[in-house]
Amino acid sequence: MNNVRKQKDEGFTIIEVVLVLAIAALIMLMVFIALPALQRNQRDTTRKNDISRLQSALNNYKSRSRGALPTGSTSAYTAFFTSDLRRSGDQFADPSGGDYVPVVAPNGATPPAAGTGVMAYSEGNASNIYIYPGATCTTDAAQGTVNTSARKAAIVKPLEGGGAHCAEA
């Protein structure tokens, strides 16, 4: 009789283990590269929604006050933010933290080009919302530029992903 035992190959080879680890590392790398961009886009979408909320509140204010906007001062808009946008403990804050700060330009003023100077998104002015009384958004509203117009206000918010969002009330 032949008492030769056959060895059974059980388990994984080193090549198979290394291949699985390499594929897992690639998947993790793709997730970590894509995640910050997705988060930035989500924060920008929240900012755009907040500007729409501000636009609605300004339109409600105008309907209550015979078409007039709050007086063209930063303190008037700060009071407006408190009275009309933060009722009953509602939040009106930038997604990166901190309350939105209204920065009101003089009547008829136009903002600098998006992505330059005061319009560039940065941590120093990330919570600023620029309000231009007597102005409307141009056809290129994504760049945050405005035209002059009576009884309107352009609301411009720089975006973290680049450019600016412009809405009018």
Foldseek 3Di string as FASTA:
>chain_A
DDPDDDDDDDDDDPVVVVVVVVVVVVVVVVCVVVVVVVVLVVLQVVVVVLVVVVQVLQVVVCVVVVLDGQPQDQVSVVVSCVPRVCPPNHAQDRPVDDHAGEDGDPEQDWDDWACDDPNNQDPVRQRYKYKHAQWAADPPQQQPTIGGHHSKIWIWHRGPVTHIHIHMD
